[in-house]
Amino acid sequence: MDSDGGHSASQSGRGSTASTLGSLNAGHASVTALAHASPNSRVGELATYKSDLAAFKAALASNDPIAARNDLAAAAQALAMAANKTVTADTVAALNKELGISASTATDTRIAQLAEATRQQQRIADRKEELANR
Protein backbone atom coordinates (compact mmCIF):
# COMPACT_ATOMS: atom_id res chain seq x y z
CA MET A 1 0.00 0.00 0.00
CA ASP A 2 1.09 3.55 -0.55
CA SER A 3 1.32 6.28 2.11
CA ASP A 4 -2.34 7.22 1.59
CA GLY A 5 -3.49 3.72 2.48
CA GLY A 6 -4.38 2.89 -1.11
CA HIS A 7 -2.77 0.38 -3.39
CA SER A 8 0.16 1.46 -5.47
CA ALA A 9 -0.05 1.13 -9.25
CA SER A 10 2.17 -1.95 -9.23
CA GLN A 11 0.04 -3.66 -6.57
CA SER A 12 -3.17 -2.83 -8.42
CA GLY A 13 -1.67 -4.17 -11.62
CA ARG A 14 -0.84 -7.51 -9.99
CA GLY A 15 -4.38 -7.83 -8.66
CA SER A 16 -5.82 -6.97 -12.02
CA THR A 17 -3.59 -9.52 -13.74
CA ALA A 18 -4.50 -12.17 -11.17
CA SER A 19 -8.18 -11.48 -11.74
CA THR A 20 -7.75 -11.65 -15.52
CA LEU A 21 -5.84 -14.93 -15.31
CA GLY A 22 -8.50 -16.64 -13.20
CA SER A 23 -7.68 -20.35 -13.00
CA LEU A 24 -4.47 -19.73 -14.94
CA ASN A 25 -3.06 -18.40 -11.67
CA ALA A 26 -2.13 -22.05 -11.20
CA GLY A 27 0.91 -21.00 -13.24
CA HIS A 28 2.34 -19.82 -9.90
CA ALA A 29 2.95 -23.48 -9.05
CA SER A 30 6.50 -24.53 -8.34
CA VAL A 31 8.62 -26.37 -10.89
CA THR A 32 8.21 -29.49 -8.75
CA ALA A 33 4.42 -29.13 -8.70
CA LEU A 34 4.35 -28.69 -12.47
CA ALA A 35 6.50 -31.79 -12.93
CA HIS A 36 4.36 -34.00 -10.70
CA ALA A 37 0.86 -32.66 -11.32
CA SER A 38 -1.99 -34.86 -12.47
CA PRO A 39 -2.46 -34.21 -16.21
CA ASN A 40 -6.15 -33.39 -15.65
CA SER A 41 -5.52 -30.79 -12.93
CA ARG A 42 -5.11 -27.09 -13.72
CA VAL A 43 -1.44 -27.31 -12.84
CA GLY A 44 -1.09 -30.42 -15.01
CA GLU A 45 -2.82 -28.70 -17.93
CA LEU A 46 -0.43 -25.78 -17.58
CA ALA A 47 2.53 -28.18 -17.44
CA THR A 48 1.25 -29.67 -20.71
CA TYR A 49 0.90 -26.17 -22.16
CA LYS A 50 4.48 -25.34 -21.18
CA SER A 51 5.79 -28.59 -22.66
CA ASP A 52 3.83 -28.16 -25.90
CA LEU A 53 5.06 -24.58 -26.25
CA ALA A 54 8.66 -25.77 -25.76
CA ALA A 55 8.05 -28.39 -28.48
CA PHE A 56 6.68 -25.64 -30.74
CA LYS A 57 9.82 -23.57 -30.26
CA ALA A 58 12.02 -26.61 -30.91
CA ALA A 59 10.10 -27.39 -34.09
CA LEU A 60 10.56 -23.80 -35.27
CA ALA A 61 14.29 -24.01 -34.53
CA SER A 62 14.57 -27.24 -36.52
CA ASN A 63 12.58 -25.72 -39.41
CA ASP A 64 9.69 -28.21 -39.10
CA PRO A 65 6.58 -26.11 -39.83
CA ILE A 66 4.14 -29.02 -39.62
CA ALA A 67 5.33 -30.06 -36.17
CA ALA A 68 5.40 -26.40 -35.12
CA ARG A 69 1.77 -25.91 -36.19
CA ASN A 70 0.68 -29.10 -34.40
CA ASP A 71 2.61 -28.22 -31.23
CA LEU A 72 1.17 -24.71 -31.16
CA ALA A 73 -2.35 -26.10 -31.55
CA ALA A 74 -1.69 -28.60 -28.74
CA ALA A 75 -0.41 -25.80 -26.49
CA ALA A 76 -3.51 -23.71 -27.21
CA GLN A 77 -5.77 -26.68 -26.48
CA ALA A 78 -4.06 -27.33 -23.13
CA LEU A 79 -4.42 -23.65 -22.30
CA ALA A 80 -8.10 -23.69 -23.26
CA MET A 81 -8.68 -26.65 -20.96
CA ALA A 82 -7.02 -24.83 -18.06
CA ALA A 83 -8.70 -21.46 -18.60
CA ASN A 84 -11.95 -20.43 -16.94
CA LYS A 85 -11.93 -16.92 -18.39
CA THR A 86 -11.44 -15.38 -21.81
CA VAL A 87 -7.93 -15.97 -23.13
CA THR A 88 -6.35 -12.89 -24.69
CA ALA A 89 -2.85 -12.19 -25.94
CA ASP A 90 -2.24 -10.25 -22.71
CA THR A 91 -3.41 -13.26 -20.69
CA VAL A 92 -1.02 -15.51 -22.59
CA ALA A 93 1.86 -13.06 -22.15
CA ALA A 94 1.24 -12.81 -18.39
CA LEU A 95 1.02 -16.59 -18.03
CA ASN A 96 4.15 -17.12 -20.11
CA LYS A 97 6.01 -14.65 -17.93
CA GLU A 98 4.88 -16.53 -14.81
CA LEU A 99 5.97 -19.85 -16.35
CA GLY A 100 9.32 -18.44 -17.47
CA ILE A 101 8.49 -18.78 -21.16
CA SER A 102 9.52 -16.21 -23.75
CA ALA A 103 7.36 -15.92 -26.83
CA SER A 104 6.71 -13.26 -29.42
CA THR A 105 3.63 -11.08 -29.36
CA ALA A 106 2.53 -12.80 -32.58
CA THR A 107 2.82 -16.21 -30.90
CA ASP A 108 0.91 -15.00 -27.83
CA THR A 109 -1.82 -13.64 -30.11
CA ARG A 110 -2.08 -16.87 -32.12
CA ILE A 111 -2.22 -19.00 -28.97
CA ALA A 112 -5.00 -16.79 -27.61
CA GLN A 113 -6.96 -17.06 -30.87
CA LEU A 114 -6.64 -20.84 -30.98
CA ALA A 115 -7.45 -21.24 -27.28
CA GLU A 116 -10.56 -19.08 -27.57
CA ALA A 117 -11.71 -21.02 -30.66
CA THR A 118 -11.31 -24.24 -28.67
CA ARG A 119 -13.21 -22.78 -25.71
CA GLN A 120 -16.02 -21.66 -28.04
CA GLN A 121 -16.25 -25.12 -29.60
CA GLN A 122 -16.45 -26.65 -26.13
CA ARG A 123 -19.21 -24.25 -25.08
CA ILE A 124 -21.20 -25.20 -28.20
CA ALA A 125 -20.69 -28.90 -27.54
CA ASP A 126 -21.72 -28.46 -23.90
CA ARG A 127 -24.85 -26.55 -24.93
CA LYS A 128 -25.81 -29.22 -27.48
CA GLU A 129 -25.39 -31.91 -24.84
CA GLU A 130 -27.46 -29.89 -22.40
CA LEU A 131 -30.27 -29.50 -24.94
CA ALA A 132 -30.14 -33.18 -25.88
CA ASN A 133 -30.54 -34.17 -22.22
CA ARG A 134 -33.70 -32.14 -21.66
Foldseek 3Di string as FASTA:
>chain_A
DDPVPDDDPVVVVVVVLCVQQPLLVLLLDDPVCLVPPDCLALSNLQSLLVVLVVQLVVCVVVVNVVSNVVSLLSSLCSSLSNGPHQQALVNQVVSCVSNVHDDDSVSSHVSSVSSNVNNVVVVVVVVVVVVVVD
